[in-house]
Amino acid sequence: MTILLFLVPIALLLGLTGLVAFVWSLRAGQYDDLDGAATRVLFDDDVAAPPK
């Protein structure tokens, strides 16, 4: 039963760490443009134009 004295605070600390990381990513703008990355992968801008 004494193991719960260690496991409960560790679980709460891990949950709080995940919540802080999620809030930080929201404030940093990680979720601002969800569709942009999905469509940007379809365009091939690296290829040079063929010589004429």
PDB file of N, CA and C in Angstrom:
ATOM      1  N   MET A   1       0.812  -1.183   0.000  1.00  0.00           N
ATOM      2  CA  MET A   1       0.000   0.000   0.000  1.00  0.00           C
ATOM      3  C   MET A   1       0.865   1.261   0.000  1.00  0.00           C
ATOM      4  N   THR A   2       2.071   1.175   0.501  1.00  0.00           N
ATOM      5  CA  THR A   2       2.914   2.370   0.554  1.00  0.00           C
ATOM      6  C   THR A   2       3.426   2.761  -0.824  1.00  0.00           C
ATOM      7  N   ILE A   3       3.338   1.857  -1.792  1.00  0.00           N
ATOM      8  CA  ILE A   3       3.768   2.184  -3.145  1.00  0.00           C
ATOM      9  C   ILE A   3       2.868   3.247  -3.760  1.00  0.00           C
ATOM     10  N   LEU A   4       1.602   3.311  -3.297  1.00  0.00           N
ATOM     11  CA  LEU A   4       0.692   4.339  -3.788  1.00  0.00           C
ATOM     12  C   LEU A   4       1.158   5.735  -3.403  1.00  0.00           C
ATOM     13  N   LEU A   5       1.891   5.844  -2.319  1.00  0.00           N
ATOM     14  CA  LEU A   5       2.435   7.141  -1.916  1.00  0.00           C
ATOM     15  C   LEU A   5       3.446   7.654  -2.937  1.00  0.00           C
ATOM     16  N   PHE A   6       4.029   6.779  -3.712  1.00  0.00           N
ATOM     17  CA  PHE A   6       4.969   7.168  -4.753  1.00  0.00           C
ATOM     18  C   PHE A   6       4.304   7.262  -6.123  1.00  0.00           C
ATOM     19  N   LEU A   7       3.415   6.329  -6.406  1.00  0.00           N
ATOM     20  CA  LEU A   7       2.825   6.263  -7.742  1.00  0.00           C
ATOM     21  C   LEU A   7       1.816   7.374  -8.020  1.00  0.00           C
ATOM     22  N   VAL A   8       1.036   7.754  -7.049  1.00  0.00           N
ATOM     23  CA  VAL A   8       0.028   8.797  -7.265  1.00  0.00           C
ATOM     24  C   VAL A   8       0.681  10.147  -7.559  1.00  0.00           C
ATOM     25  N   PRO A   9       1.659  10.601  -6.793  1.00  0.00           N
ATOM     26  CA  PRO A   9       2.311  11.876  -7.145  1.00  0.00           C
ATOM     27  C   PRO A   9       3.057  11.821  -8.480  1.00  0.00           C
ATOM     28  N   ILE A  10       3.642  10.691  -8.809  1.00  0.00           N
ATOM     29  CA  ILE A  10       4.339  10.559 -10.093  1.00  0.00           C
ATOM     30  C   ILE A  10       3.339  10.644 -11.239  1.00  0.00           C
ATOM     31  N   ALA A  11       2.181   9.995 -11.083  1.00  0.00           N
ATOM     32  CA  ALA A  11       1.145  10.048 -12.121  1.00  0.00           C
ATOM     33  C   ALA A  11       0.615  11.470 -12.277  1.00  0.00           C
ATOM     34  N   LEU A  12       0.399  12.157 -11.174  1.00  0.00           N
ATOM     35  CA  LEU A  12      -0.063  13.541 -11.243  1.00  0.00           C
ATOM     36  C   LEU A  12       0.981  14.442 -11.886  1.00  0.00           C
ATOM     37  N   LEU A  13       2.227  14.220 -11.583  1.00  0.00           N
ATOM     38  CA  LEU A  13       3.306  15.018 -12.171  1.00  0.00           C
ATOM     39  C   LEU A  13       3.406  14.784 -13.675  1.00  0.00           C
ATOM     40  N   LEU A  14       3.277  13.542 -14.113  1.00  0.00           N
ATOM     41  CA  LEU A  14       3.316  13.247 -15.548  1.00  0.00           C
ATOM     42  C   LEU A  14       2.111  13.852 -16.274  1.00  0.00           C
ATOM     43  N   GLY A  15       0.948  13.788 -15.647  1.00  0.00           N
ATOM     44  CA  GLY A  15      -0.237  14.399 -16.245  1.00  0.00           C
ATOM     45  C   GLY A  15      -0.103  15.909 -16.338  1.00  0.00           C
ATOM     46  N   LEU A  16       0.418  16.528 -15.316  1.00  0.00           N
ATOM     47  CA  LEU A  16       0.630  17.972 -15.326  1.00  0.00           C
ATOM     48  C   LEU A  16       1.676  18.363 -16.356  1.00  0.00           C
ATOM     49  N   THR A  17       2.709  17.559 -16.518  1.00  0.00           N
ATOM     50  CA  THR A  17       3.724  17.826 -17.532  1.00  0.00           C
ATOM     51  C   THR A  17       3.135  17.761 -18.936  1.00  0.00           C
ATOM     52  N   GLY A  18       2.295  16.777 -19.184  1.00  0.00           N
ATOM     53  CA  GLY A  18       1.627  16.674 -20.483  1.00  0.00           C
ATOM     54  C   GLY A  18       0.703  17.841 -20.745  1.00  0.00           C
ATOM     55  N   LEU A  19      -0.018  18.275 -19.728  1.00  0.00           N
ATOM     56  CA  LEU A  19      -0.911  19.425 -19.873  1.00  0.00           C
ATOM     57  C   LEU A  19      -0.133  20.701 -20.152  1.00  0.00           C
ATOM     58  N   VAL A  20       0.974  20.898 -19.463  1.00  0.00           N
ATOM     59  CA  VAL A  20       1.815  22.081 -19.697  1.00  0.00           C
ATOM     60  C   VAL A  20       2.397  22.050 -21.105  1.00  0.00           C
ATOM     61  N   ALA A  21       2.827  20.893 -21.571  1.00  0.00           N
ATOM     62  CA  ALA A  21       3.365  20.786 -22.932  1.00  0.00           C
ATOM     63  C   ALA A  21       2.290  21.081 -23.964  1.00  0.00           C
ATOM     64  N   PHE A  22       1.067  20.628 -23.733  1.00  0.00           N
ATOM     65  CA  PHE A  22      -0.020  20.887 -24.663  1.00  0.00           C
ATOM     66  C   PHE A  22      -0.376  22.369 -24.705  1.00  0.00           C
ATOM     67  N   VAL A  23      -0.460  23.006 -23.548  1.00  0.00           N
ATOM     68  CA  VAL A  23      -0.768  24.439 -23.507  1.00  0.00           C
ATOM     69  C   VAL A  23       0.356  25.238 -24.168  1.00  0.00           C
ATOM     70  N   TRP A  24       1.598  24.828 -23.939  1.00  0.00           N
ATOM     71  CA  TRP A  24       2.722  25.510 -24.572  1.00  0.00           C
ATOM     72  C   TRP A  24       2.641  25.398 -26.100  1.00  0.00           C
ATOM     73  N   SER A  25       2.277  24.225 -26.599  1.00  0.00           N
ATOM     74  CA  SER A  25       2.175  24.054 -28.051  1.00  0.00           C
ATOM     75  C   SER A  25       1.012  24.855 -28.625  1.00  0.00           C
ATOM     76  N   LEU A  26      -0.065  25.011 -27.867  1.00  0.00           N
ATOM     77  CA  LEU A  26      -1.167  25.859 -28.320  1.00  0.00           C
ATOM     78  C   LEU A  26      -0.724  27.312 -28.435  1.00  0.00           C
ATOM     79  N   ARG A  27      -0.020  27.795 -27.432  1.00  0.00           N
ATOM     80  CA  ARG A  27       0.421  29.191 -27.442  1.00  0.00           C
ATOM     81  C   ARG A  27       1.508  29.444 -28.478  1.00  0.00           C
ATOM     82  N   ALA A  28       2.260  28.415 -28.828  1.00  0.00           N
ATOM     83  CA  ALA A  28       3.328  28.566 -29.823  1.00  0.00           C
ATOM     84  C   ALA A  28       2.793  28.519 -31.245  1.00  0.00           C
ATOM     85  N   GLY A  29       1.510  28.208 -31.416  1.00  0.00           N
ATOM     86  CA  GLY A  29       0.907  28.208 -32.742  1.00  0.00           C
ATOM     87  C   GLY A  29       1.075  26.913 -33.507  1.00  0.00           C
ATOM     88  N   GLN A  30       1.248  25.812 -32.816  1.00  0.00           N
ATOM     89  CA  GLN A  30       1.438  24.532 -33.489  1.00  0.00           C
ATOM     90  C   GLN A  30       0.179  24.049 -34.189  1.00  0.00           C
ATOM     91  N   TYR A  31      -0.991  24.504 -33.764  1.00  0.00           N
ATOM     92  CA  TYR A  31      -2.247  24.016 -34.311  1.00  0.00           C
ATOM     93  C   TYR A  31      -2.971  25.082 -35.125  1.00  0.00           C
ATOM     94  N   ASP A  32      -2.274  26.111 -35.566  1.00  0.00           N
ATOM     95  CA  ASP A  32      -2.919  27.201 -36.290  1.00  0.00           C
ATOM     96  C   ASP A  32      -3.351  26.796 -37.696  1.00  0.00           C
ATOM     97  N   ASP A  33      -2.501  26.093 -38.425  1.00  0.00           N
ATOM     98  CA  ASP A  33      -2.786  25.762 -39.814  1.00  0.00           C
ATOM     99  C   ASP A  33      -2.699  24.249 -40.015  1.00  0.00           C
ATOM    100  N   LEU A  34      -3.797  23.564 -39.752  1.00  0.00           N
ATOM    101  CA  LEU A  34      -3.795  22.108 -39.862  1.00  0.00           C
ATOM    102  C   LEU A  34      -3.880  21.632 -41.304  1.00  0.00           C
ATOM    103  N   ASP A  35      -4.546  22.390 -42.167  1.00  0.00           N
ATOM    104  CA  ASP A  35      -4.705  21.972 -43.552  1.00  0.00           C
ATOM    105  C   ASP A  35      -3.517  22.360 -44.423  1.00  0.00           C
ATOM    106  N   GLY A  36      -2.744  23.332 -43.997  1.00  0.00           N
ATOM    107  CA  GLY A  36      -1.618  23.802 -44.801  1.00  0.00           C
ATOM    108  C   GLY A  36      -0.553  22.740 -45.004  1.00  0.00           C
ATOM    109  N   ALA A  37      -0.202  22.037 -43.947  1.00  0.00           N
ATOM    110  CA  ALA A  37       0.822  20.994 -44.063  1.00  0.00           C
ATOM    111  C   ALA A  37       0.319  19.816 -44.899  1.00  0.00           C
ATOM    112  N   ALA A  38      -0.960  19.535 -44.822  1.00  0.00           N
ATOM    113  CA  ALA A  38      -1.517  18.415 -45.572  1.00  0.00           C
ATOM    114  C   ALA A  38      -1.499  18.689 -47.074  1.00  0.00           C
ATOM    115  N   THR A  39      -1.722  19.918 -47.474  1.00  0.00           N
ATOM    116  CA  THR A  39      -1.706  20.233 -48.905  1.00  0.00           C
ATOM    117  C   THR A  39      -0.315  20.607 -49.389  1.00  0.00           C
ATOM    118  N   ARG A  40       0.514  21.119 -48.512  1.00  0.00           N
ATOM    119  CA  ARG A  40       1.873  21.515 -48.894  1.00  0.00           C
ATOM    120  C   ARG A  40       2.715  20.309 -49.300  1.00  0.00           C
ATOM    121  N   VAL A  41       2.425  19.155 -48.736  1.00  0.00           N
ATOM    122  CA  VAL A  41       3.188  17.962 -49.066  1.00  0.00           C
ATOM    123  C   VAL A  41       2.900  17.499 -50.500  1.00  0.00           C
ATOM    124  N   LEU A  42       1.775  17.903 -51.058  1.00  0.00           N
ATOM    125  CA  LEU A  42       1.408  17.488 -52.406  1.00  0.00           C
ATOM    126  C   LEU A  42       2.129  18.282 -53.491  1.00  0.00           C
ATOM    127  N   PHE A  43       2.600  19.475 -53.167  1.00  0.00           N
ATOM    128  CA  PHE A  43       3.270  20.312 -54.152  1.00  0.00           C
ATOM    129  C   PHE A  43       4.758  20.015 -54.168  1.00  0.00           C
ATOM    130  N   ASP A  44       5.316  19.920 -55.367  1.00  0.00           N
ATOM    131  CA  ASP A  44       6.731  19.593 -55.516  1.00  0.00           C
ATOM    132  C   ASP A  44       7.454  20.852 -56.009  1.00  0.00           C
ATOM    133  N   ASP A  45       7.825  21.728 -55.090  1.00  0.00           N
ATOM    134  CA  ASP A  45       8.483  22.970 -55.446  1.00  0.00           C
ATOM    135  C   ASP A  45       9.987  22.823 -55.647  1.00  0.00           C
ATOM    136  N   ASP A  46      10.540  21.669 -55.269  1.00  0.00           N
ATOM    137  CA  ASP A  46      11.986  21.476 -55.347  1.00  0.00           C
ATOM    138  C   ASP A  46      12.470  21.217 -56.781  1.00  0.00           C
ATOM    139  N   VAL A  47      11.618  20.694 -57.599  1.00  0.00           N
ATOM    140  CA  VAL A  47      12.009  20.300 -58.958  1.00  0.00           C
ATOM    141  C   VAL A  47      12.200  21.562 -59.814  1.00  0.00           C
ATOM    142  N   ALA A  48      13.350  21.625 -60.464  1.00  0.00           N
ATOM    143  CA  ALA A  48      13.616  22.753 -61.327  1.00  0.00           C
ATOM    144  C   ALA A  48      12.823  22.594 -62.635  1.00  0.00           C
ATOM    145  N   ALA A  49      12.530  23.712 -63.259  1.00  0.00           N
ATOM    146  CA  ALA A  49      11.786  23.688 -64.519  1.00  0.00           C
ATOM    147  C   ALA A  49      12.654  23.044 -65.602  1.00  0.00           C
ATOM    148  N   PRO A  50      12.052  22.284 -66.487  1.00  0.00           N
ATOM    149  CA  PRO A  50      12.850  21.630 -67.560  1.00  0.00           C
ATOM    150  C   PRO A  50      13.409  22.695 -68.505  1.00  0.00           C
ATOM    151  N   PRO A  51      14.641  22.474 -68.979  1.00  0.00           N
ATOM    152  CA  PRO A  51      15.253  23.459 -69.895  1.00  0.00           C
ATOM    153  C   PRO A  51      14.498  23.483 -71.233  1.00  0.00           C
ATOM    154  N   LYS A  52      14.451  24.653 -71.831  1.00  0.00           N
ATOM    155  CA  LYS A  52      13.751  24.803 -73.110  1.00  0.00           C
ATOM    156  C   LYS A  52      14.706  24.713 -74.271  1.00  0.00           C
TER     157      LYS A  52
END
